[in-house]
Amino acid sequence: MSEDLVVERRPGVVQVTFNRPQKHNAFTAEMYGALHELCDELAKDESVKVLVLTGTGGRAFAAGNEISDFLSRDAVEYEDWIRALLEKLFALPQVTIAAVDGVCVGGGLAVATHCDLRVATPHSRFGYPIAKTLGNALAASIVYRAAAVFGEPIVREMLLAARLINADRAYATGALTAVTDSLAEEVDTLVEGVLALSGVTVRATKSQLAAYAARTEASPEGDEDLLREVYTGADFKEGVRAFLAKEKPAFR
């Protein structure tokens, strides 16, 4: 693992810390690659019962993706690779917990919604403000997963009004297990409770929920063509230019 992705292990538990506080823990391609490898490993490791994901610095869980990574890649293929990681994360036999302290947006929110449980500090905020930042779009399956976690009306507000949702509203929808100033203590309590559970029950239940999600959250036919139209269009080009120049984008 790279220094941007710190992995700690103890009996039954793996904790991953996103460690780019100077960039609000935005995900790089290297971080995604390391997560791909870790998920492949954990999918076969019955000794691990819990995976905890968190960010360092107290300002963000993860604030989306490193935008410069899109410049040297086919954007749709890159998004598809990220979506494949999210599917791996969601399918893990372990109970996965997102411990959110600060901003959780874009790719960070996609990762958090593909975890089983989420806990957050009171100042945390959640959303997909891409309509006012990059002018891109999400894969349909990611939108559907967000709607399953937060509810469709909240996700419409996140995407169509580009608003961030605070922790109290997220908790009220059931998207969060807890809102607490003592995030580490809450996570430890949650982890200890999971470690005492029947692994057979947990794995069977996760398999059933994954099958349900596969039926209700699958991307529709033509979704990749829609994304390619967005990512090759003028708005995304302007969004990336403005983001890297630290300017406000002038969308058509």
Protein backbone atom coordinates (compact mmCIF):
# COMPACT_ATOMS: atom_id res chain seq x y z
CA MET A 1 0.00 0.00 0.00
CA SER A 2 1.11 3.58 -0.64
CA GLU A 3 1.55 6.22 2.05
CA ASP A 4 -1.74 7.72 0.80
CA LEU A 5 -3.55 4.58 1.91
CA VAL A 6 -2.61 3.31 5.38
CA VAL A 7 -3.71 -0.22 6.26
CA GLU A 8 -3.73 -1.42 9.87
CA ARG A 9 -4.58 -4.94 10.97
CA ARG A 10 -5.58 -6.50 14.25
CA PRO A 11 -7.32 -9.82 14.94
CA GLY A 12 -10.52 -9.92 12.90
CA VAL A 13 -10.27 -6.28 11.77
CA VAL A 14 -8.68 -4.34 8.92
CA GLN A 15 -8.74 -0.54 9.00
CA VAL A 16 -7.93 1.57 5.95
CA THR A 17 -7.15 5.27 6.39
CA PHE A 18 -7.21 7.64 3.41
CA ASN A 19 -4.15 9.76 4.06
CA ARG A 20 -4.09 12.82 1.78
CA PRO A 21 -5.31 15.51 4.19
CA GLN A 22 -3.75 18.28 2.09
CA LYS A 23 -6.12 17.21 -0.73
CA HIS A 24 -9.10 16.38 1.50
CA ASN A 25 -8.21 12.70 0.96
CA ALA A 26 -9.26 12.78 -2.69
CA PHE A 27 -8.74 9.38 -4.29
CA THR A 28 -5.89 8.85 -6.75
CA ALA A 29 -5.66 6.05 -9.29
CA GLU A 30 -2.97 4.47 -7.11
CA MET A 31 -5.30 4.50 -4.10
CA TYR A 32 -8.06 2.89 -6.14
CA GLY A 33 -5.61 0.26 -7.36
CA ALA A 34 -4.56 -0.55 -3.81
CA LEU A 35 -8.21 -0.84 -2.77
CA HIS A 36 -8.85 -3.21 -5.67
CA GLU A 37 -6.03 -5.44 -4.42
CA LEU A 38 -7.20 -5.28 -0.81
CA CYS A 39 -10.77 -6.20 -1.74
CA ASP A 40 -9.49 -9.17 -3.78
CA GLU A 41 -7.53 -10.29 -0.73
CA LEU A 42 -10.35 -9.82 1.78
CA ALA A 43 -12.86 -11.63 -0.42
CA LYS A 44 -10.93 -14.84 0.36
CA ASP A 45 -9.93 -14.12 3.96
CA GLU A 46 -12.36 -15.64 6.46
CA SER A 47 -10.22 -14.52 9.41
CA VAL A 48 -11.25 -10.90 8.89
CA LYS A 49 -14.78 -10.02 10.01
CA VAL A 50 -14.75 -6.22 9.80
CA LEU A 51 -13.32 -3.62 7.41
CA VAL A 52 -13.25 0.00 8.58
CA LEU A 53 -12.67 2.84 6.12
CA THR A 54 -11.86 6.35 7.34
CA GLY A 55 -10.04 9.54 6.41
CA THR A 56 -7.34 11.47 8.21
CA GLY A 57 -7.17 15.15 9.08
CA GLY A 58 -10.63 15.78 10.50
CA ARG A 59 -11.79 17.74 7.45
CA ALA A 60 -12.82 14.99 5.04
CA PHE A 61 -13.59 11.31 4.66
CA ALA A 62 -12.77 11.74 0.99
CA ALA A 63 -13.59 14.66 -1.27
CA GLY A 64 -14.05 12.87 -4.57
CA ASN A 65 -11.32 11.94 -7.02
CA GLU A 66 -8.00 13.49 -8.01
CA ILE A 67 -9.24 15.35 -11.08
CA SER A 68 -5.86 15.42 -12.83
CA ASP A 69 -6.07 11.62 -13.11
CA PHE A 70 -8.81 12.02 -15.72
CA LEU A 71 -6.50 13.88 -18.11
CA SER A 72 -4.34 10.88 -19.01
CA ARG A 73 -7.15 8.30 -19.19
CA ASP A 74 -10.33 7.46 -21.00
CA ALA A 75 -12.75 8.97 -18.48
CA VAL A 76 -15.53 6.43 -19.05
CA GLU A 77 -13.16 3.47 -18.74
CA TYR A 78 -11.70 5.02 -15.56
CA GLU A 79 -15.18 5.46 -14.07
CA ASP A 80 -16.00 1.87 -15.02
CA TRP A 81 -12.87 0.67 -13.21
CA ILE A 82 -13.91 2.64 -10.13
CA ARG A 83 -17.42 1.19 -10.35
CA ALA A 84 -15.92 -2.30 -10.44
CA LEU A 85 -14.09 -1.52 -7.20
CA LEU A 86 -17.32 -0.33 -5.59
CA GLU A 87 -18.97 -3.61 -6.58
CA LYS A 88 -16.09 -5.54 -4.99
CA LEU A 89 -16.40 -3.51 -1.80
CA PHE A 90 -20.16 -4.04 -1.64
CA ALA A 91 -19.78 -7.79 -2.20
CA LEU A 92 -17.19 -8.38 0.55
CA PRO A 93 -18.18 -11.01 3.13
CA GLN A 94 -16.95 -8.74 5.93
CA VAL A 95 -19.09 -6.08 7.59
CA THR A 96 -17.81 -2.80 6.14
CA ILE A 97 -17.97 0.46 8.10
CA ALA A 98 -17.38 3.99 6.81
CA ALA A 99 -16.23 6.27 9.64
CA VAL A 100 -16.84 9.79 8.33
CA ASP A 101 -15.25 12.89 9.82
CA GLY A 102 -15.88 15.87 7.58
CA VAL A 103 -16.77 16.18 3.91
CA CYS A 104 -17.89 12.99 2.16
CA VAL A 105 -18.60 13.83 -1.47
CA GLY A 106 -18.18 12.46 -4.97
CA GLY A 107 -16.05 9.33 -4.99
CA GLY A 108 -15.88 9.47 -1.21
CA LEU A 109 -19.65 9.24 -0.94
CA ALA A 110 -19.71 6.43 -3.50
CA VAL A 111 -17.32 4.44 -1.30
CA ALA A 112 -19.31 5.22 1.86
CA THR A 113 -22.63 4.19 0.32
CA HIS A 114 -21.13 0.88 -0.78
CA CYS A 115 -20.24 0.10 2.84
CA ASP A 116 -22.73 -1.70 5.08
CA LEU A 117 -22.73 0.87 7.89
CA ARG A 118 -21.83 4.52 8.27
CA VAL A 119 -21.08 6.62 11.37
CA ALA A 120 -20.17 10.29 11.31
CA THR A 121 -19.21 13.34 13.33
CA PRO A 122 -21.76 16.18 13.62
CA HIS A 123 -19.91 18.48 11.21
CA SER A 124 -19.83 15.89 8.42
CA ARG A 125 -21.58 16.61 5.13
CA PHE A 126 -22.59 14.40 2.23
CA GLY A 127 -23.34 14.97 -1.42
CA TYR A 128 -22.65 14.89 -5.14
CA PRO A 129 -22.20 18.56 -6.13
CA ILE A 130 -20.90 17.60 -9.58
CA ALA A 131 -23.41 19.73 -11.49
CA LYS A 132 -21.68 22.88 -10.21
CA THR A 133 -18.10 21.58 -10.11
CA LEU A 134 -17.17 19.20 -12.93
CA GLY A 135 -20.18 18.85 -15.20
CA ASN A 136 -19.82 15.07 -15.28
CA ALA A 137 -22.32 12.34 -14.38
CA LEU A 138 -22.47 9.22 -12.23
CA ALA A 139 -22.97 5.65 -13.36
CA ALA A 140 -26.62 4.76 -12.82
CA SER A 141 -25.75 1.99 -10.36
CA ILE A 142 -23.98 4.55 -8.12
CA VAL A 143 -27.04 6.83 -8.21
CA TYR A 144 -29.28 3.87 -7.33
CA ARG A 145 -27.03 2.85 -4.41
CA ALA A 146 -27.12 6.41 -3.05
CA ALA A 147 -30.92 6.40 -3.33
CA ALA A 148 -31.08 3.08 -1.49
CA VAL A 149 -29.05 4.55 1.38
CA PHE A 150 -30.37 8.14 1.61
CA GLY A 151 -33.73 7.89 -0.15
CA GLU A 152 -34.59 9.21 -3.60
CA PRO A 153 -35.73 12.73 -2.54
CA ILE A 154 -32.43 13.41 -0.76
CA VAL A 155 -30.40 12.13 -3.72
CA ARG A 156 -32.42 14.35 -6.06
CA GLU A 157 -31.47 17.30 -3.84
CA MET A 158 -27.82 16.20 -3.79
CA LEU A 159 -27.58 15.93 -7.57
CA LEU A 160 -30.20 18.26 -9.04
CA ALA A 161 -29.66 21.14 -6.59
CA ALA A 162 -25.99 20.30 -5.89
CA ARG A 163 -26.60 20.62 -2.14
CA LEU A 164 -24.71 18.93 0.66
CA ILE A 165 -26.67 17.11 3.38
CA ASN A 166 -25.62 17.52 7.00
CA ALA A 167 -25.11 14.63 9.41
CA ASP A 168 -28.38 15.13 11.28
CA ARG A 169 -30.42 14.90 8.08
CA ALA A 170 -28.43 11.86 6.97
CA TYR A 171 -29.08 10.20 10.33
CA ALA A 172 -32.80 10.98 10.06
CA THR A 173 -32.96 9.09 6.73
CA GLY A 174 -31.25 6.04 8.23
CA ALA A 175 -28.11 6.56 6.16
CA LEU A 176 -26.03 6.84 9.35
CA THR A 177 -25.92 4.42 12.27
CA ALA A 178 -24.78 7.17 14.62
CA VAL A 179 -23.72 10.82 14.77
CA THR A 180 -21.11 11.35 17.47
CA ASP A 181 -18.25 13.56 18.59
CA SER A 182 -16.46 10.40 19.74
CA LEU A 183 -16.05 8.75 16.36
CA ALA A 184 -13.24 6.36 17.31
CA GLU A 185 -15.12 5.14 20.39
CA GLU A 186 -18.32 4.61 18.40
CA VAL A 187 -16.45 2.65 15.74
CA ASP A 188 -14.70 0.52 18.37
CA THR A 189 -18.03 -0.30 20.01
CA LEU A 190 -19.57 -1.18 16.66
CA VAL A 191 -16.59 -3.34 15.70
CA GLU A 192 -16.58 -5.22 19.00
CA GLY A 193 -20.27 -5.96 18.58
CA VAL A 194 -19.75 -7.31 15.05
CA LEU A 195 -16.82 -9.48 16.14
CA ALA A 196 -19.13 -11.29 18.57
CA LEU A 197 -21.72 -12.10 15.89
CA SER A 198 -22.18 -15.33 13.98
CA GLY A 199 -20.09 -15.12 10.84
CA VAL A 200 -22.44 -17.58 9.15
CA THR A 201 -25.41 -15.28 9.71
CA VAL A 202 -23.51 -12.20 8.54
CA ARG A 203 -22.23 -13.82 5.34
CA ALA A 204 -25.64 -15.29 4.47
CA THR A 205 -27.39 -11.99 5.07
CA LYS A 206 -24.85 -10.04 3.03
CA SER A 207 -25.29 -12.50 0.17
CA GLN A 208 -29.06 -12.02 0.26
CA LEU A 209 -28.79 -8.22 0.35
CA ALA A 210 -26.29 -8.26 -2.52
CA ALA A 211 -28.70 -10.31 -4.63
CA TYR A 212 -31.50 -7.84 -3.85
CA ALA A 213 -29.31 -4.88 -4.82
CA ALA A 214 -28.28 -6.60 -8.06
CA ARG A 215 -31.95 -6.76 -9.09
CA THR A 216 -32.91 -3.24 -8.04
CA GLU A 217 -29.74 -1.21 -8.72
CA ALA A 218 -28.41 -2.55 -12.03
CA SER A 219 -27.50 0.08 -14.62
CA PRO A 220 -29.96 0.34 -17.52
CA GLU A 221 -29.05 -0.44 -21.11
CA GLY A 222 -27.26 2.48 -22.76
CA ASP A 223 -25.83 3.92 -19.54
CA GLU A 224 -22.24 3.69 -20.79
CA ASP A 225 -23.18 5.55 -23.98
CA LEU A 226 -24.79 8.28 -21.87
CA LEU A 227 -21.67 8.61 -19.72
CA ARG A 228 -19.40 8.75 -22.77
CA GLU A 229 -21.51 11.58 -24.20
CA VAL A 230 -21.13 13.49 -20.91
CA TYR A 231 -17.40 12.86 -20.51
CA THR A 232 -16.58 13.87 -24.09
CA GLY A 233 -18.76 16.97 -23.93
CA ALA A 234 -17.93 20.63 -23.46
CA ASP A 235 -19.18 20.90 -19.88
CA PHE A 236 -16.82 18.24 -18.50
CA LYS A 237 -13.90 19.75 -20.40
CA GLU A 238 -14.73 23.16 -18.90
CA GLY A 239 -15.25 21.65 -15.43
CA VAL A 240 -11.82 20.01 -15.40
CA ARG A 241 -10.16 23.17 -16.75
CA ALA A 242 -11.81 25.37 -14.14
CA PHE A 243 -11.13 22.94 -11.29
CA LEU A 244 -7.42 22.74 -12.05
CA ALA A 245 -7.22 26.51 -12.54
CA LYS A 246 -9.16 27.03 -9.26
CA GLU A 247 -11.82 29.02 -11.11
CA LYS A 248 -15.58 28.84 -11.23
CA PRO A 249 -16.67 26.88 -14.33
CA ALA A 250 -18.69 28.62 -17.02
CA PHE A 251 -21.02 25.85 -18.15
CA ARG A 252 -23.11 26.30 -21.27
